[in-house]
């Protein structure tokens, strides 16, 4: 579990780091041009009113549903809407996307998803532990962090209670806040690169320092959550509950063997 489960969890962290690296390079290479484009998008968003937020939420749902990391969308929200509005838009979009993905996994992708987990012992163990203690593991999976869309699809296919699933989505808030903050900070430095009013070193230091401190804390929380998931997966009861789930869902069990 430790070696394999670390891979999808690491991908999300890598996606955030890559996003920030691209933003930093863009600031250095094309700060003025980016600032002009962002100003034009801001003007269009303000003119669009609520439609701009609706468009963002729609794009978020579509893009994340094909397993593209939501870090890109959350950082974009921070750059376009600022931290608080960006965080609100990203959380709403994340909940809508999660509910849709759960429904798709539960009604249309159950058989292929169960076949997928049946061929991969790590994911089969996660599914078994999820069935045994859905509420606790749902929270841990959001903190780990695995790709949220993957967990949403698998939760639907595994028959996790929708109420517990939806409540656990709130555990994504720290990760989303960090990603939005990264986009907000990138926008700040893009605008500052073409500003003639001088550099505000204290403000910039607080902006960067707060982000780095949050990143370190969240990384430690993620490591702790991954270890807790590993412990839950290796508990003896996980396999029994997976067998019990198959016994109560014979159609799903047959699909994993076909």
Protein backbone atom coordinates (compact mmCIF):
# COMPACT_ATOMS: atom_id res chain seq x y z
CA UNK A 1 0.00 0.00 0.00
CA UNK A 2 2.69 2.47 0.92
CA UNK A 3 4.63 2.26 -2.32
CA UNK A 4 1.69 2.12 -4.68
CA UNK A 5 -0.70 4.41 -2.86
CA UNK A 6 1.95 7.07 -2.67
CA UNK A 7 1.94 7.40 -6.46
CA UNK A 8 -1.52 8.91 -6.99
CA UNK A 9 -1.15 10.96 -3.84
CA UNK A 10 2.19 12.30 -5.07
CA UNK A 11 0.77 13.21 -8.48
CA UNK A 12 -1.48 15.85 -6.98
CA UNK A 13 1.40 17.44 -5.10
CA UNK A 14 3.49 17.34 -8.27
CA UNK A 15 0.65 18.96 -10.21
CA UNK A 16 0.57 21.85 -7.72
CA UNK A 17 4.34 22.28 -7.82
CA UNK A 18 4.38 22.20 -11.64
CA UNK A 19 1.56 24.76 -11.75
CA UNK A 20 3.48 27.11 -9.46
CA UNK A 21 6.70 26.58 -11.42
CA UNK A 22 4.96 27.44 -14.68
CA UNK A 23 3.46 30.52 -13.05
CA UNK A 24 6.88 31.62 -11.78
CA UNK A 25 8.47 31.17 -15.21
CA UNK A 26 5.59 33.02 -16.83
CA UNK A 27 6.00 35.92 -14.41
CA UNK A 28 9.69 36.24 -15.27
CA UNK A 29 9.35 35.77 -19.03
CA UNK A 30 6.05 37.42 -19.85
CA UNK A 31 4.82 39.31 -16.82
CA UNK A 32 3.63 42.39 -18.73
CA UNK A 33 1.82 40.38 -21.39
CA UNK A 34 0.15 38.12 -18.82
CA UNK A 35 -0.97 41.09 -16.79
CA UNK A 36 -2.63 42.65 -19.82
CA UNK A 37 -4.43 39.39 -20.65
CA UNK A 38 -5.57 38.92 -17.06
CA UNK A 39 -6.82 42.51 -16.96
CA UNK A 40 -8.86 41.83 -20.11
CA UNK A 41 -10.30 38.65 -18.57
CA UNK A 42 -11.13 40.57 -15.39
CA UNK A 43 -13.01 43.16 -17.41
CA UNK A 44 -14.96 40.44 -19.21
CA UNK A 45 -15.73 38.65 -15.91
CA UNK A 46 -17.01 41.83 -14.29
CA UNK A 47 -19.18 42.51 -17.31
CA UNK A 48 -20.52 38.96 -17.27
CA UNK A 49 -21.67 39.14 -13.65
CA UNK A 50 -22.81 35.78 -12.18
CA UNK A 51 -22.42 34.14 -15.60
CA UNK A 52 -18.65 34.31 -15.19
CA UNK A 53 -18.81 32.22 -12.01
CA UNK A 54 -21.25 29.78 -13.62
CA UNK A 55 -18.90 29.39 -16.58
CA UNK A 56 -15.98 28.68 -14.25
CA UNK A 57 -17.97 26.10 -12.26
CA UNK A 58 -19.02 24.38 -15.49
CA UNK A 59 -15.44 24.29 -16.77
CA UNK A 60 -14.24 22.97 -13.39
CA UNK A 61 -16.77 20.12 -13.42
CA UNK A 62 -15.99 19.09 -17.01
CA UNK A 63 -12.21 19.31 -16.72
CA UNK A 64 -11.87 17.53 -13.37
CA UNK A 65 -14.28 14.78 -14.44
CA UNK A 66 -11.72 13.60 -17.00
CA UNK A 67 -9.14 13.37 -14.18
CA UNK A 68 -7.24 16.57 -15.00
CA UNK A 69 -5.86 17.83 -11.65
CA UNK A 70 -8.15 20.36 -10.04
CA UNK A 71 -5.05 22.28 -8.89
CA UNK A 72 -4.99 24.02 -12.27
CA UNK A 73 -8.60 25.19 -11.92
CA UNK A 74 -8.25 26.26 -8.29
CA UNK A 75 -5.10 28.27 -9.06
CA UNK A 76 -6.93 29.88 -11.98
CA UNK A 77 -9.79 30.83 -9.67
CA UNK A 78 -7.33 32.48 -7.28
CA UNK A 79 -5.77 34.46 -10.12
CA UNK A 80 -9.09 35.58 -11.60
CA UNK A 81 -11.34 36.08 -8.59
CA UNK A 82 -8.95 36.71 -5.69
CA UNK A 83 -8.54 34.44 -2.69
CA UNK A 84 -11.97 34.49 -1.02
CA UNK A 85 -14.13 34.55 -4.14
CA UNK A 86 -11.80 32.03 -5.78
CA UNK A 87 -12.01 29.73 -2.76
CA UNK A 88 -15.81 29.92 -2.70
CA UNK A 89 -16.10 29.27 -6.44
CA UNK A 90 -13.67 26.34 -6.26
CA UNK A 91 -15.40 24.70 -3.28
CA UNK A 92 -18.82 24.99 -4.90
CA UNK A 93 -17.46 23.64 -8.18
CA UNK A 94 -15.70 20.82 -6.33
CA UNK A 95 -18.90 19.74 -4.54
CA UNK A 96 -20.92 19.83 -7.77
CA UNK A 97 -18.21 17.84 -9.58
CA UNK A 98 -17.95 15.30 -6.75
CA UNK A 99 -21.72 14.70 -6.67
CA UNK A 100 -21.81 14.23 -10.45
CA UNK A 101 -18.83 11.87 -10.42
CA UNK A 102 -20.34 9.85 -7.56
CA UNK A 103 -23.57 9.44 -9.56
CA UNK A 104 -21.71 8.42 -12.70
CA UNK A 105 -19.64 5.89 -10.74
CA UNK A 106 -22.72 4.52 -9.00
CA UNK A 107 -25.01 4.19 -12.02
CA UNK A 108 -22.92 3.91 -15.18
CA UNK A 109 -19.29 3.07 -14.40
CA UNK A 110 -19.71 0.60 -11.54
CA UNK A 111 -18.82 -2.54 -13.52
CA UNK A 112 -15.67 -1.16 -15.22
CA UNK A 113 -14.50 0.49 -12.00
CA UNK A 114 -14.91 -2.73 -10.02
CA UNK A 115 -13.02 -4.60 -12.74
CA UNK A 116 -10.30 -1.96 -12.49
CA UNK A 117 -9.95 -2.39 -8.72
CA UNK A 118 -10.11 -6.20 -9.00
CA UNK A 119 -6.94 -6.16 -11.12
CA UNK A 120 -5.11 -3.84 -8.74
CA UNK A 121 -4.68 -5.16 -5.18
CA UNK A 122 -3.95 -1.70 -3.74
CA UNK A 123 -7.17 -0.15 -5.00
CA UNK A 124 -9.12 -3.31 -4.11
CA UNK A 125 -7.84 -2.97 -0.55
CA UNK A 126 -8.84 0.70 -0.48
CA UNK A 127 -12.31 -0.26 -1.70
CA UNK A 128 -12.62 -2.92 0.98
CA UNK A 129 -11.56 -0.52 3.73
CA UNK A 130 -13.92 2.11 2.32
CA UNK A 131 -16.81 -0.34 2.56
CA UNK A 132 -15.86 -1.27 6.12
CA UNK A 133 -15.46 2.26 7.53
CA UNK A 134 -16.68 4.61 4.84
CA UNK A 135 -17.00 7.76 6.93
CA UNK A 136 -13.51 7.80 8.43
CA UNK A 137 -11.74 6.64 5.28
CA UNK A 138 -13.58 9.16 3.11
CA UNK A 139 -12.13 11.96 5.22
CA UNK A 140 -8.65 10.46 5.13
CA UNK A 141 -8.75 9.97 1.36
CA UNK A 142 -9.54 13.67 0.93
CA UNK A 143 -6.56 14.65 3.08
CA UNK A 144 -4.08 12.15 1.60
CA UNK A 145 -4.41 13.58 -1.16
CA UNK A 146 -5.56 11.27 -3.93
CA UNK A 147 -7.12 12.70 -7.06
CA UNK A 148 -10.60 13.75 -5.84
CA UNK A 149 -12.39 12.65 -9.01
CA UNK A 150 -10.91 9.15 -8.73
CA UNK A 151 -12.17 8.84 -5.16
CA UNK A 152 -15.60 10.17 -6.15
CA UNK A 153 -16.01 7.64 -8.96
CA UNK A 154 -14.79 4.78 -6.76
CA UNK A 155 -17.03 5.84 -3.86
CA UNK A 156 -20.07 5.71 -6.11
CA UNK A 157 -19.09 2.32 -7.50
CA UNK A 158 -18.45 0.96 -3.99
CA UNK A 159 -21.88 1.94 -2.69
CA UNK A 160 -20.64 4.41 -0.06
CA UNK A 161 -23.55 6.34 1.47
CA UNK A 162 -24.01 9.59 -0.42
CA UNK A 163 -24.48 11.66 2.74
CA UNK A 164 -21.19 10.50 4.25
CA UNK A 165 -19.46 10.96 0.90
CA UNK A 166 -20.72 14.52 0.45
CA UNK A 167 -19.87 15.53 4.02
CA UNK A 168 -16.31 14.24 3.59
CA UNK A 169 -15.84 16.52 0.59
CA UNK A 170 -15.39 19.39 3.06
CA UNK A 171 -12.02 17.85 3.97
CA UNK A 172 -10.76 19.08 0.58
CA UNK A 173 -10.90 22.67 1.85
CA UNK A 174 -7.25 22.91 3.05
CA UNK A 175 -5.88 21.64 -0.26
CA UNK A 176 -8.18 23.83 -2.33
CA UNK A 177 -7.35 26.88 -0.19
CA UNK A 178 -3.63 26.32 -0.74
CA UNK A 179 -4.09 25.97 -4.50
CA UNK A 180 -6.26 29.10 -4.70
CA UNK A 181 -3.74 30.97 -2.58
CA UNK A 182 -0.99 29.93 -5.02
CA UNK A 183 -2.95 31.34 -7.95
CA UNK A 184 -3.74 34.52 -6.01
CA UNK A 185 -0.05 34.96 -5.12
CA UNK A 186 1.00 34.37 -8.74
CA UNK A 187 -1.46 37.04 -9.90
CA UNK A 188 -0.11 39.45 -7.31
CA UNK A 189 3.45 39.04 -8.56
CA UNK A 190 2.37 39.30 -12.20
CA UNK A 191 0.66 42.61 -11.46
CA UNK A 192 3.59 43.79 -9.35
CA UNK A 193 6.02 43.06 -12.18
CA UNK A 194 4.52 45.89 -14.26
CA UNK A 195 3.62 48.22 -11.41
CA UNK A 196 5.51 51.51 -11.09
CA UNK A 197 4.64 52.06 -7.42
CA UNK A 198 7.58 50.08 -6.10
CA UNK A 199 7.88 46.73 -4.34
CA UNK A 200 6.19 46.06 -1.01
CA UNK A 201 8.71 43.67 0.45
CA UNK A 202 6.88 42.99 3.72
CA UNK A 203 3.61 42.17 1.95
CA UNK A 204 5.43 39.93 -0.53
CA UNK A 205 7.33 38.16 2.26
CA UNK A 206 4.10 37.51 4.17
CA UNK A 207 2.43 36.24 1.00
CA UNK A 208 5.23 33.81 0.21
CA UNK A 209 5.93 32.87 3.84
CA UNK A 210 2.29 32.08 4.54
CA UNK A 211 2.06 29.92 1.46
CA UNK A 212 5.25 27.98 2.27
CA UNK A 213 4.18 27.46 5.91
CA UNK A 214 0.77 26.18 4.79
CA UNK A 215 2.43 23.90 2.25
CA UNK A 216 4.69 22.36 4.90
CA UNK A 217 1.80 21.81 7.33
CA UNK A 218 -0.43 20.33 4.65
CA UNK A 219 2.35 18.02 3.49
CA UNK A 220 2.68 16.65 7.02
CA UNK A 221 -1.09 16.21 7.31
CA UNK A 222 -1.07 14.35 3.99
CA UNK A 223 1.67 11.99 5.16
CA UNK A 224 -0.24 11.25 8.37
CA UNK A 225 -3.44 10.61 6.41
CA UNK A 226 -1.67 8.27 4.00
CA UNK A 227 -0.30 6.25 6.90
CA UNK A 228 -3.75 6.06 8.48
CA UNK A 229 -5.17 4.83 5.16
CA UNK A 230 -2.45 2.19 4.96
CA UNK A 231 -3.31 1.02 8.47
CA UNK A 232 -7.03 0.89 7.65
CA UNK A 233 -6.41 -1.04 4.43
CA UNK A 234 -4.33 -3.64 6.23
CA UNK A 235 -6.83 -4.17 9.03
CA UNK A 236 -8.19 -7.74 8.87
CA UNK A 237 -11.78 -6.51 8.64
CA UNK A 238 -11.28 -4.79 5.29
CA UNK A 239 -11.19 -7.99 3.28
CA UNK A 240 -14.22 -9.42 5.08
CA UNK A 241 -16.26 -6.31 4.37
CA UNK A 242 -15.22 -6.44 0.72
CA UNK A 243 -16.51 -10.02 0.58
CA UNK A 244 -19.70 -8.95 2.33
CA UNK A 245 -20.19 -6.17 -0.23
CA UNK A 246 -19.81 -8.70 -3.08
CA UNK A 247 -22.28 -11.05 -1.41
CA UNK A 248 -24.90 -8.30 -1.26
CA UNK A 249 -24.12 -7.09 -4.78
CA UNK A 250 -23.86 -10.26 -6.90
CA UNK A 251 -24.14 -8.36 -10.19
CA UNK A 252 -21.17 -6.20 -9.28
CA UNK A 253 -19.21 -9.21 -8.08
CA UNK A 254 -19.86 -11.05 -11.37
CA UNK A 255 -18.71 -8.02 -13.34
CA UNK A 256 -15.31 -8.10 -11.62
CA UNK A 257 -14.82 -11.70 -12.69
CA UNK A 258 -15.95 -11.23 -16.29
